[in-house]
Amino acid sequence: RRHMGFVFQQYNLMEEYNVLDNICMPVKLDQRKPDPEFLHTVLTAL
């Protein structure tokens, strides 16, 4: 969770959560808060 990212053919998104919650899920599972500036950068880039 801390050192690796995963992207699969199946998107593996959680249907009951919105886009923002899906994106932040691994960070929240690690009991951390997303870096707001970095989150904005990633959302903008994509």
ModelCIF file with pLDDT and N, C-alpha, C, O atoms, coordinates in Angstrom:
data_MODEL
#
_entry.id   MODEL 
#
_entity.id                         1 
_entity.type                       polymer 
_entity.pdbx_number_of_molecules   1 
#
_entity_poly.entity_id                      1 
_entity_poly.type                           'polypeptide(L)' 
_entity_poly.nstd_linkage                   no 
_entity_poly.nstd_monomer                   no 
_entity_poly.pdbx_seq_one_letter_code       RRHMGFVFQQYNLMEEYNVLDNICMPVKLDQRKPDPEFLHTVLTAL 
_entity_poly.pdbx_seq_one_letter_code_can   RRHMGFVFQQYNLMEEYNVLDNICMPVKLDQRKPDPEFLHTVLTAL 
_entity_poly.pdbx_strand_id                 A 
#
loop_
_entity_poly_seq.entity_id 
_entity_poly_seq.num 
_entity_poly_seq.mon_id 
_entity_poly_seq.hetero 
1 1  ARG n 
1 2  ARG n 
1 3  HIS n 
1 4  MET n 
1 5  GLY n 
1 6  PHE n 
1 7  VAL n 
1 8  PHE n 
1 9  GLN n 
1 10 GLN n 
1 11 TYR n 
1 12 ASN n 
1 13 LEU n 
1 14 MET n 
1 15 GLU n 
1 16 GLU n 
1 17 TYR n 
1 18 ASN n 
1 19 VAL n 
1 20 LEU n 
1 21 ASP n 
1 22 ASN n 
1 23 ILE n 
1 24 CYS n 
1 25 MET n 
1 26 PRO n 
1 27 VAL n 
1 28 LYS n 
1 29 LEU n 
1 30 ASP n 
1 31 GLN n 
1 32 ARG n 
1 33 LYS n 
1 34 PRO n 
1 35 ASP n 
1 36 PRO n 
1 37 GLU n 
1 38 PHE n 
1 39 LEU n 
1 40 HIS n 
1 41 THR n 
1 42 VAL n 
1 43 LEU n 
1 44 THR n 
1 45 ALA n 
1 46 LEU n 
#
_struct_asym.id          A 
_struct_asym.entity_id   1 
#
loop_
_ma_qa_metric.id 
_ma_qa_metric.mode 
_ma_qa_metric.name 
_ma_qa_metric.software_group_id 
_ma_qa_metric.type 
1 global pLDDT . pLDDT 
2 local  pLDDT . pLDDT 
#
_ma_qa_metric_global.metric_id      1 
_ma_qa_metric_global.metric_value   89.20 
_ma_qa_metric_global.model_id       1 
_ma_qa_metric_global.ordinal_id     1 
#
loop_
_ma_qa_metric_local.label_asym_id 
_ma_qa_metric_local.label_comp_id 
_ma_qa_metric_local.label_seq_id 
_ma_qa_metric_local.metric_id 
_ma_qa_metric_local.metric_value 
_ma_qa_metric_local.model_id 
_ma_qa_metric_local.ordinal_id 
A ARG 1  2 87.00 1 1  
A ARG 2  2 87.00 1 2  
A HIS 3  2 92.00 1 3  
A MET 4  2 93.00 1 4  
A GLY 5  2 91.00 1 5  
A PHE 6  2 90.00 1 6  
A VAL 7  2 88.00 1 7  
A PHE 8  2 86.00 1 8  
A GLN 9  2 81.00 1 9  
A GLN 10 2 83.00 1 10 
A TYR 11 2 82.00 1 11 
A ASN 12 2 86.00 1 12 
A LEU 13 2 90.00 1 13 
A MET 14 2 92.00 1 14 
A GLU 15 2 90.00 1 15 
A GLU 16 2 93.00 1 16 
A TYR 17 2 93.00 1 17 
A ASN 18 2 95.00 1 18 
A VAL 19 2 95.00 1 19 
A LEU 20 2 95.00 1 20 
A ASP 21 2 94.00 1 21 
A ASN 22 2 94.00 1 22 
A ILE 23 2 94.00 1 23 
A CYS 24 2 94.00 1 24 
A MET 25 2 90.00 1 25 
A PRO 26 2 87.00 1 26 
A VAL 27 2 89.00 1 27 
A LYS 28 2 87.00 1 28 
A LEU 29 2 86.00 1 29 
A ASP 30 2 83.00 1 30 
A GLN 31 2 85.00 1 31 
A ARG 32 2 86.00 1 32 
A LYS 33 2 88.00 1 33 
A PRO 34 2 88.00 1 34 
A ASP 35 2 88.00 1 35 
A PRO 36 2 91.00 1 36 
A GLU 37 2 91.00 1 37 
A PHE 38 2 89.00 1 38 
A LEU 39 2 92.00 1 39 
A HIS 40 2 93.00 1 40 
A THR 41 2 88.00 1 41 
A VAL 42 2 88.00 1 42 
A LEU 43 2 90.00 1 43 
A THR 44 2 89.00 1 44 
A ALA 45 2 84.00 1 45 
A LEU 46 2 86.00 1 46 
#
loop_
_atom_site.group_PDB 
_atom_site.id 
_atom_site.type_symbol 
_atom_site.label_atom_id 
_atom_site.label_alt_id 
_atom_site.label_comp_id 
_atom_site.label_asym_id 
_atom_site.label_entity_id 
_atom_site.label_seq_id 
_atom_site.pdbx_PDB_ins_code 
_atom_site.Cartn_x 
_atom_site.Cartn_y 
_atom_site.Cartn_z 
_atom_site.occupancy 
_atom_site.B_iso_or_equiv 
_atom_site.pdbx_formal_charge 
_atom_site.auth_seq_id 
_atom_site.auth_comp_id 
_atom_site.auth_asym_id 
_atom_site.auth_atom_id 
_atom_site.pdbx_PDB_model_num 
ATOM 1   N N  . ARG A 1 1  ? 0.829   -1.213 0.000   1.00 87.00 ? 1  ARG A N  1 
ATOM 2   C CA . ARG A 1 1  ? 0.000   0.000  0.000   1.00 87.00 ? 1  ARG A CA 1 
ATOM 3   C C  . ARG A 1 1  ? 0.859   1.256  0.000   1.00 87.00 ? 1  ARG A C  1 
ATOM 4   O O  . ARG A 1 1  ? 0.494   2.263  -0.607  1.00 87.00 ? 1  ARG A O  1 
ATOM 5   N N  . ARG A 1 2  ? 1.992   1.197  0.676   1.00 87.00 ? 2  ARG A N  1 
ATOM 6   C CA . ARG A 1 2  ? 2.850   2.387  0.831   1.00 87.00 ? 2  ARG A CA 1 
ATOM 7   C C  . ARG A 1 2  ? 3.833   2.582  -0.317  1.00 87.00 ? 2  ARG A C  1 
ATOM 8   O O  . ARG A 1 2  ? 4.212   3.713  -0.622  1.00 87.00 ? 2  ARG A O  1 
ATOM 9   N N  . HIS A 1 3  ? 4.248   1.491  -0.953  1.00 92.00 ? 3  HIS A N  1 
ATOM 10  C CA . HIS A 1 3  ? 5.342   1.601  -1.927  1.00 92.00 ? 3  HIS A CA 1 
ATOM 11  C C  . HIS A 1 3  ? 4.971   1.207  -3.353  1.00 92.00 ? 3  HIS A C  1 
ATOM 12  O O  . HIS A 1 3  ? 5.743   1.446  -4.283  1.00 92.00 ? 3  HIS A O  1 
ATOM 13  N N  . MET A 1 4  ? 3.789   0.602  -3.534  1.00 93.00 ? 4  MET A N  1 
ATOM 14  C CA . MET A 1 4  ? 3.412   0.097  -4.852  1.00 93.00 ? 4  MET A CA 1 
ATOM 15  C C  . MET A 1 4  ? 2.017   0.579  -5.231  1.00 93.00 ? 4  MET A C  1 
ATOM 16  O O  . MET A 1 4  ? 1.132   0.704  -4.384  1.00 93.00 ? 4  MET A O  1 
ATOM 17  N N  . GLY A 1 5  ? 1.841   0.845  -6.523  1.00 91.00 ? 5  GLY A N  1 
ATOM 18  C CA . GLY A 1 5  ? 0.515   1.157  -7.048  1.00 91.00 ? 5  GLY A CA 1 
ATOM 19  C C  . GLY A 1 5  ? 0.129   0.080  -8.043  1.00 91.00 ? 5  GLY A C  1 
ATOM 20  O O  . GLY A 1 5  ? 0.995   -0.512 -8.687  1.00 91.00 ? 5  GLY A O  1 
ATOM 21  N N  . PHE A 1 6  ? -1.173  -0.183 -8.176  1.00 90.00 ? 6  PHE A N  1 
ATOM 22  C CA . PHE A 1 6  ? -1.648  -1.247 -9.063  1.00 90.00 ? 6  PHE A CA 1 
ATOM 23  C C  . PHE A 1 6  ? -2.751  -0.741 -9.982  1.00 90.00 ? 6  PHE A C  1 
ATOM 24  O O  . PHE A 1 6  ? -3.676  -0.055 -9.548  1.00 90.00 ? 6  PHE A O  1 
ATOM 25  N N  . VAL A 1 7  ? -2.636  -1.094 -11.265 1.00 88.00 ? 7  VAL A N  1 
ATOM 26  C CA . VAL A 1 7  ? -3.687  -0.803 -12.233 1.00 88.00 ? 7  VAL A CA 1 
ATOM 27  C C  . VAL A 1 7  ? -3.950  -2.107 -12.987 1.00 88.00 ? 7  VAL A C  1 
ATOM 28  O O  . VAL A 1 7  ? -3.045  -2.677 -13.596 1.00 88.00 ? 7  VAL A O  1 
ATOM 29  N N  . PHE A 1 8  ? -5.209  -2.574 -12.939 1.00 86.00 ? 8  PHE A N  1 
ATOM 30  C CA . PHE A 1 8  ? -5.555  -3.840 -13.576 1.00 86.00 ? 8  PHE A CA 1 
ATOM 31  C C  . PHE A 1 8  ? -6.491  -3.615 -14.765 1.00 86.00 ? 8  PHE A C  1 
ATOM 32  O O  . PHE A 1 8  ? -7.010  -2.519 -14.972 1.00 86.00 ? 8  PHE A O  1 
ATOM 33  N N  . GLN A 1 9  ? -6.690  -4.684 -15.537 1.00 81.00 ? 9  GLN A N  1 
ATOM 34  C CA . GLN A 1 9  ? -7.606  -4.604 -16.678 1.00 81.00 ? 9  GLN A CA 1 
ATOM 35  C C  . GLN A 1 9  ? -9.021  -4.314 -16.180 1.00 81.00 ? 9  GLN A C  1 
ATOM 36  O O  . GLN A 1 9  ? -9.730  -3.480 -16.744 1.00 81.00 ? 9  GLN A O  1 
ATOM 37  N N  . GLN A 1 10 ? -9.424  -5.019 -15.110 1.00 83.00 ? 10 GLN A N  1 
ATOM 38  C CA . GLN A 1 10 ? -10.699 -4.697 -14.457 1.00 83.00 ? 10 GLN A CA 1 
ATOM 39  C C  . GLN A 1 10 ? -10.409 -3.499 -13.552 1.00 83.00 ? 10 GLN A C  1 
ATOM 40  O O  . GLN A 1 10 ? -9.428  -3.511 -12.807 1.00 83.00 ? 10 GLN A O  1 
ATOM 41  N N  . TYR A 1 11 ? -11.225 -2.500 -13.608 1.00 82.00 ? 11 TYR A N  1 
ATOM 42  C CA . TYR A 1 11 ? -10.888 -1.235 -12.926 1.00 82.00 ? 11 TYR A CA 1 
ATOM 43  C C  . TYR A 1 11 ? -10.918 -1.372 -11.402 1.00 82.00 ? 11 TYR A C  1 
ATOM 44  O O  . TYR A 1 11 ? -10.282 -0.598 -10.687 1.00 82.00 ? 11 TYR A O  1 
ATOM 45  N N  . ASN A 1 12 ? -11.682 -2.387 -10.905 1.00 86.00 ? 12 ASN A N  1 
ATOM 46  C CA . ASN A 1 12 ? -11.743 -2.654 -9.450  1.00 86.00 ? 12 ASN A CA 1 
ATOM 47  C C  . ASN A 1 12 ? -12.167 -1.424 -8.650  1.00 86.00 ? 12 ASN A C  1 
ATOM 48  O O  . ASN A 1 12 ? -11.641 -1.176 -7.565  1.00 86.00 ? 12 ASN A O  1 
ATOM 49  N N  . LEU A 1 13 ? -13.114 -0.657 -9.183  1.00 90.00 ? 13 LEU A N  1 
ATOM 50  C CA . LEU A 1 13 ? -13.649 0.483  -8.429  1.00 90.00 ? 13 LEU A CA 1 
ATOM 51  C C  . LEU A 1 13 ? -14.801 -0.001 -7.561  1.00 90.00 ? 13 LEU A C  1 
ATOM 52  O O  . LEU A 1 13 ? -15.502 -0.950 -7.914  1.00 90.00 ? 13 LEU A O  1 
ATOM 53  N N  . MET A 1 14 ? -14.991 0.661  -6.418  1.00 92.00 ? 14 MET A N  1 
ATOM 54  C CA . MET A 1 14 ? -16.094 0.299  -5.534  1.00 92.00 ? 14 MET A CA 1 
ATOM 55  C C  . MET A 1 14 ? -17.312 1.104  -5.953  1.00 92.00 ? 14 MET A C  1 
ATOM 56  O O  . MET A 1 14 ? -17.316 2.333  -5.872  1.00 92.00 ? 14 MET A O  1 
ATOM 57  N N  . GLU A 1 15 ? -18.351 0.396  -6.406  1.00 90.00 ? 15 GLU A N  1 
ATOM 58  C CA . GLU A 1 15 ? -19.532 1.033  -7.008  1.00 90.00 ? 15 GLU A CA 1 
ATOM 59  C C  . GLU A 1 15 ? -20.242 1.977  -6.039  1.00 90.00 ? 15 GLU A C  1 
ATOM 60  O O  . GLU A 1 15 ? -20.838 2.973  -6.449  1.00 90.00 ? 15 GLU A O  1 
ATOM 61  N N  . GLU A 1 16 ? -20.168 1.643  -4.723  1.00 93.00 ? 16 GLU A N  1 
ATOM 62  C CA . GLU A 1 16 ? -20.939 2.442  -3.743  1.00 93.00 ? 16 GLU A CA 1 
ATOM 63  C C  . GLU A 1 16 ? -20.232 3.736  -3.337  1.00 93.00 ? 16 GLU A C  1 
ATOM 64  O O  . GLU A 1 16 ? -20.797 4.560  -2.618  1.00 93.00 ? 16 GLU A O  1 
ATOM 65  N N  . TYR A 1 17 ? -18.985 3.907  -3.806  1.00 93.00 ? 17 TYR A N  1 
ATOM 66  C CA . TYR A 1 17 ? -18.232 5.130  -3.473  1.00 93.00 ? 17 TYR A CA 1 
ATOM 67  C C  . TYR A 1 17 ? -18.075 6.004  -4.712  1.00 93.00 ? 17 TYR A C  1 
ATOM 68  O O  . TYR A 1 17 ? -18.048 5.514  -5.841  1.00 93.00 ? 17 TYR A O  1 
ATOM 69  N N  . ASN A 1 18 ? -17.971 7.305  -4.474  1.00 95.00 ? 18 ASN A N  1 
ATOM 70  C CA . ASN A 1 18 ? -17.763 8.196  -5.621  1.00 95.00 ? 18 ASN A CA 1 
ATOM 71  C C  . ASN A 1 18 ? -16.289 8.185  -6.034  1.00 95.00 ? 18 ASN A C  1 
ATOM 72  O O  . ASN A 1 18 ? -15.454 7.538  -5.401  1.00 95.00 ? 18 ASN A O  1 
ATOM 73  N N  . VAL A 1 19 ? -15.997 8.909  -7.098  1.00 95.00 ? 19 VAL A N  1 
ATOM 74  C CA . VAL A 1 19 ? -14.642 8.931  -7.674  1.00 95.00 ? 19 VAL A CA 1 
ATOM 75  C C  . VAL A 1 19 ? -13.609 9.338  -6.627  1.00 95.00 ? 19 VAL A C  1 
ATOM 76  O O  . VAL A 1 19 ? -12.581 8.676  -6.481  1.00 95.00 ? 19 VAL A O  1 
ATOM 77  N N  . LEU A 1 20 ? -13.874 10.415 -5.903  1.00 95.00 ? 20 LEU A N  1 
ATOM 78  C CA . LEU A 1 20 ? -12.905 10.917 -4.923  1.00 95.00 ? 20 LEU A CA 1 
ATOM 79  C C  . LEU A 1 20 ? -12.618 9.874  -3.848  1.00 95.00 ? 20 LEU A C  1 
ATOM 80  O O  . LEU A 1 20 ? -11.463 9.658  -3.482  1.00 95.00 ? 20 LEU A O  1 
ATOM 81  N N  . ASP A 1 21 ? -13.676 9.222  -3.339  1.00 94.00 ? 21 ASP A N  1 
ATOM 82  C CA . ASP A 1 21 ? -13.487 8.219  -2.290  1.00 94.00 ? 21 ASP A CA 1 
ATOM 83  C C  . ASP A 1 21 ? -12.719 6.999  -2.815  1.00 94.00 ? 21 ASP A C  1 
ATOM 84  O O  . ASP A 1 21 ? -11.892 6.424  -2.107  1.00 94.00 ? 21 ASP A O  1 
ATOM 85  N N  . ASN A 1 22 ? -13.002 6.614  -4.061  1.00 94.00 ? 22 ASN A N  1 
ATOM 86  C CA . ASN A 1 22 ? -12.271 5.496  -4.669  1.00 94.00 ? 22 ASN A CA 1 
ATOM 87  C C  . ASN A 1 22 ? -10.784 5.813  -4.770  1.00 94.00 ? 22 ASN A C  1 
ATOM 88  O O  . ASN A 1 22 ? -9.938  4.972  -4.464  1.00 94.00 ? 22 ASN A O  1 
ATOM 89  N N  . ILE A 1 23 ? -10.475 7.029  -5.200  1.00 94.00 ? 23 ILE A N  1 
ATOM 90  C CA . ILE A 1 23 ? -9.072  7.431  -5.388  1.00 94.00 ? 23 ILE A CA 1 
ATOM 91  C C  . ILE A 1 23 ? -8.336  7.471  -4.042  1.00 94.00 ? 23 ILE A C  1 
ATOM 92  O O  . ILE A 1 23 ? -7.169  7.091  -3.955  1.00 94.00 ? 23 ILE A O  1 
ATOM 93  N N  . CYS A 1 24 ? -9.021  7.927  -3.009  1.00 94.00 ? 24 CYS A N  1 
ATOM 94  C CA . CYS A 1 24 ? -8.374  8.117  -1.696  1.00 94.00 ? 24 CYS A CA 1 
ATOM 95  C C  . CYS A 1 24 ? -8.346  6.846  -0.849  1.00 94.00 ? 24 CYS A C  1 
ATOM 96  O O  . CYS A 1 24 ? -7.730  6.825  0.216   1.00 94.00 ? 24 CYS A O  1 
ATOM 97  N N  . MET A 1 25 ? -9.014  5.776  -1.320  1.00 90.00 ? 25 MET A N  1 
ATOM 98  C CA . MET A 1 25 ? -9.175  4.559  -0.512  1.00 90.00 ? 25 MET A CA 1 
ATOM 99  C C  . MET A 1 25 ? -7.852  3.989  0.039   1.00 90.00 ? 25 MET A C  1 
ATOM 100 O O  . MET A 1 25 ? -7.774  3.750  1.244   1.00 90.00 ? 25 MET A O  1 
ATOM 101 N N  . PRO A 1 26 ? -6.802  3.759  -0.788  1.00 87.00 ? 26 PRO A N  1 
ATOM 102 C CA . PRO A 1 26 ? -5.582  3.154  -0.229  1.00 87.00 ? 26 PRO A CA 1 
ATOM 103 C C  . PRO A 1 26 ? -4.919  4.020  0.848   1.00 87.00 ? 26 PRO A C  1 
ATOM 104 O O  . PRO A 1 26 ? -4.379  3.501  1.825   1.00 87.00 ? 26 PRO A O  1 
ATOM 105 N N  . VAL A 1 27 ? -4.965  5.338  0.663   1.00 89.00 ? 27 VAL A N  1 
ATOM 106 C CA . VAL A 1 27 ? -4.357  6.250  1.647   1.00 89.00 ? 27 VAL A CA 1 
ATOM 107 C C  . VAL A 1 27 ? -5.146  6.182  2.949   1.00 89.00 ? 27 VAL A C  1 
ATOM 108 O O  . VAL A 1 27 ? -4.565  6.151  4.034   1.00 89.00 ? 27 VAL A O  1 
ATOM 109 N N  . LYS A 1 28 ? -6.489  6.158  2.837   1.00 87.00 ? 28 LYS A N  1 
ATOM 110 C CA . LYS A 1 28 ? -7.333  6.102  4.043   1.00 87.00 ? 28 LYS A CA 1 
ATOM 111 C C  . LYS A 1 28 ? -7.193  4.755  4.752   1.00 87.00 ? 28 LYS A C  1 
ATOM 112 O O  . LYS A 1 28 ? -7.236  4.687  5.981   1.00 87.00 ? 28 LYS A O  1 
ATOM 113 N N  . LEU A 1 29 ? -7.023  3.678  3.965   1.00 86.00 ? 29 LEU A N  1 
ATOM 114 C CA . LEU A 1 29 ? -6.808  2.356  4.578   1.00 86.00 ? 29 LEU A CA 1 
ATOM 115 C C  . LEU A 1 29 ? -5.529  2.355  5.408   1.00 86.00 ? 29 LEU A C  1 
ATOM 116 O O  . LEU A 1 29 ? -5.403  1.615  6.384   1.00 86.00 ? 29 LEU A O  1 
ATOM 117 N N  . ASP A 1 30 ? -4.588  3.195  5.004   1.00 83.00 ? 30 ASP A N  1 
ATOM 118 C CA . ASP A 1 30 ? -3.316  3.327  5.722   1.00 83.00 ? 30 ASP A CA 1 
ATOM 119 C C  . ASP A 1 30 ? -3.439  4.321  6.883   1.00 83.00 ? 30 ASP A C  1 
ATOM 120 O O  . ASP A 1 30 ? -2.453  4.668  7.533   1.00 83.00 ? 30 ASP A O  1 
ATOM 121 N N  . GLN A 1 31 ? -4.673  4.765  7.121   1.00 85.00 ? 31 GLN A N  1 
ATOM 122 C CA . GLN A 1 31 ? -4.981  5.723  8.196   1.00 85.00 ? 31 GLN A CA 1 
ATOM 123 C C  . GLN A 1 31 ? -4.174  7.012  8.069   1.00 85.00 ? 31 GLN A C  1 
ATOM 124 O O  . GLN A 1 31 ? -3.696  7.588  9.046   1.00 85.00 ? 31 GLN A O  1 
ATOM 125 N N  . ARG A 1 32 ? -4.049  7.436  6.792   1.00 86.00 ? 32 ARG A N  1 
ATOM 126 C CA . ARG A 1 32 ? -3.404  8.726  6.520   1.00 86.00 ? 32 ARG A CA 1 
ATOM 127 C C  . ARG A 1 32 ? -4.395  9.618  5.794   1.00 86.00 ? 32 ARG A C  1 
ATOM 128 O O  . ARG A 1 32 ? -5.407  9.153  5.269   1.00 86.00 ? 32 ARG A O  1 
ATOM 129 N N  . LYS A 1 33 ? -4.091  10.892 5.774   1.00 88.00 ? 33 LYS A N  1 
ATOM 130 C CA . LYS A 1 33 ? -4.915  11.824 5.010   1.00 88.00 ? 33 LYS A CA 1 
ATOM 131 C C  . LYS A 1 33 ? -4.217  12.118 3.692   1.00 88.00 ? 33 LYS A C  1 
ATOM 132 O O  . LYS A 1 33 ? -2.995  12.268 3.658   1.00 88.00 ? 33 LYS A O  1 
ATOM 133 N N  . PRO A 1 34 ? -4.990  12.202 2.591   1.00 88.00 ? 34 PRO A N  1 
ATOM 134 C CA . PRO A 1 34 ? -4.345  12.539 1.319   1.00 88.00 ? 34 PRO A CA 1 
ATOM 135 C C  . PRO A 1 34 ? -3.729  13.936 1.393   1.00 88.00 ? 34 PRO A C  1 
ATOM 136 O O  . PRO A 1 34 ? -4.277  14.837 2.028   1.00 88.00 ? 34 PRO A O  1 
ATOM 137 N N  . ASP A 1 35 ? -2.591  14.100 0.739   1.00 88.00 ? 35 ASP A N  1 
ATOM 138 C CA . ASP A 1 35 ? -1.961  15.415 0.608   1.00 88.00 ? 35 ASP A CA 1 
ATOM 139 C C  . ASP A 1 35 ? -2.825  16.222 -0.363  1.00 88.00 ? 35 ASP A C  1 
ATOM 140 O O  . ASP A 1 35 ? -2.863  15.902 -1.551  1.00 88.00 ? 35 ASP A O  1 
ATOM 141 N N  . PRO A 1 36 ? -3.538  17.290 0.127   1.00 91.00 ? 36 PRO A N  1 
ATOM 142 C CA . PRO A 1 36 ? -4.519  17.978 -0.724  1.00 91.00 ? 36 PRO A CA 1 
ATOM 143 C C  . PRO A 1 36 ? -3.915  18.569 -1.996  1.00 91.00 ? 36 PRO A C  1 
ATOM 144 O O  . PRO A 1 36 ? -4.542  18.564 -3.055  1.00 91.00 ? 36 PRO A O  1 
ATOM 145 N N  . GLU A 1 37 ? -2.692  19.074 -1.876  1.00 91.00 ? 37 GLU A N  1 
ATOM 146 C CA . GLU A 1 37 ? -2.047  19.680 -3.045  1.00 91.00 ? 37 GLU A CA 1 
ATOM 147 C C  . GLU A 1 37 ? -1.730  18.599 -4.095  1.00 91.00 ? 37 GLU A C  1 
ATOM 148 O O  . GLU A 1 37 ? -1.940  18.792 -5.292  1.00 91.00 ? 37 GLU A O  1 
ATOM 149 N N  . PHE A 1 38 ? -1.220  17.465 -3.609  1.00 89.00 ? 38 PHE A N  1 
ATOM 150 C CA . PHE A 1 38 ? -0.873  16.378 -4.521  1.00 89.00 ? 38 PHE A CA 1 
ATOM 151 C C  . PHE A 1 38 ? -2.141  15.779 -5.135  1.00 89.00 ? 38 PHE A C  1 
ATOM 152 O O  . PHE A 1 38 ? -2.164  15.447 -6.321  1.00 89.00 ? 38 PHE A O  1 
ATOM 153 N N  . LEU A 1 39 ? -3.190  15.644 -4.328  1.00 92.00 ? 39 LEU A N  1 
ATOM 154 C CA . LEU A 1 39 ? -4.471  15.140 -4.828  1.00 92.00 ? 39 LEU A CA 1 
ATOM 155 C C  . LEU A 1 39 ? -4.976  16.018 -5.974  1.00 92.00 ? 39 LEU A C  1 
ATOM 156 O O  . LEU A 1 39 ? -5.439  15.513 -6.996  1.00 92.00 ? 39 LEU A O  1 
ATOM 157 N N  . HIS A 1 40 ? -4.882  17.326 -5.794  1.00 93.00 ? 40 HIS A N  1 
ATOM 158 C CA . HIS A 1 40 ? -5.323  18.274 -6.826  1.00 93.00 ? 40 HIS A CA 1 
ATOM 159 C C  . HIS A 1 40 ? -4.478  18.103 -8.099  1.00 93.00 ? 40 HIS A C  1 
ATOM 160 O O  . HIS A 1 40 ? -5.001  18.129 -9.213  1.00 93.00 ? 40 HIS A O  1 
ATOM 161 N N  . THR A 1 41 ? -3.161  17.927 -7.910  1.00 88.00 ? 41 THR A N  1 
ATOM 162 C CA . THR A 1 41 ? -2.251  17.717 -9.047  1.00 88.00 ? 41 THR A CA 1 
ATOM 163 C C  . THR A 1 41 ? -2.627  16.460 -9.828  1.00 88.00 ? 41 THR A C  1 
ATOM 164 O O  . THR A 1 41 ? -2.667  16.473 -11.059 1.00 88.00 ? 41 THR A O  1 
ATOM 165 N N  . VAL A 1 42 ? -2.904  15.368 -9.098  1.00 88.00 ? 42 VAL A N  1 
ATOM 166 C CA . VAL A 1 42 ? -3.239  14.084 -9.736  1.00 88.00 ? 42 VAL A CA 1 
ATOM 167 C C  . VAL A 1 42 ? -4.584  14.190 -10.466 1.00 88.00 ? 42 VAL A C  1 
ATOM 168 O O  . VAL A 1 42 ? -4.716  13.743 -11.605 1.00 88.00 ? 42 VAL A O  1 
ATOM 169 N N  . LEU A 1 43 ? -5.580  14.788 -9.797  1.00 90.00 ? 43 LEU A N  1 
ATOM 170 C CA . LEU A 1 43 ? -6.905  14.949 -10.416 1.00 90.00 ? 43 LEU A CA 1 
ATOM 171 C C  . LEU A 1 43 ? -6.814  15.795 -11.684 1.00 90.00 ? 43 LEU A C  1 
ATOM 172 O O  . LEU A 1 43 ? -7.474  15.510 -12.683 1.00 90.00 ? 43 LEU A O  1 
ATOM 173 N N  . THR A 1 44 ? -5.990  16.836 -11.629 1.00 89.00 ? 44 THR A N  1 
ATOM 174 C CA . THR A 1 44 ? -5.818  17.715 -12.794 1.00 89.00 ? 44 THR A CA 1 
ATOM 175 C C  . THR A 1 44 ? -5.125  16.967 -13.926 1.00 89.00 ? 44 THR A C  1 
ATOM 176 O O  . THR A 1 44 ? -5.558  17.028 -15.077 1.00 89.00 ? 44 THR A O  1 
ATOM 177 N N  . ALA A 1 45 ? -4.035  16.253 -13.590 1.00 84.00 ? 45 ALA A N  1 
ATOM 178 C CA . ALA A 1 45 ? -3.257  15.538 -14.609 1.00 84.00 ? 45 ALA A CA 1 
ATOM 179 C C  . ALA A 1 45 ? -4.110  14.507 -15.343 1.00 84.00 ? 45 ALA A C  1 
ATOM 180 O O  . ALA A 1 45 ? -3.911  14.262 -16.533 1.00 84.00 ? 45 ALA A O  1 
ATOM 181 N N  . LEU A 1 46 ? -5.059  13.906 -14.629 1.00 86.00 ? 46 LEU A N  1 
ATOM 182 C CA . LEU A 1 46 ? -5.870  12.844 -15.220 1.00 86.00 ? 46 LEU A CA 1 
ATOM 183 C C  . LEU A 1 46 ? -7.257  13.324 -15.670 1.00 86.00 ? 46 LEU A C  1 
ATOM 184 O O  . LEU A 1 46 ? -8.046  12.533 -16.186 1.00 86.00 ? 46 LEU A O  1 
#
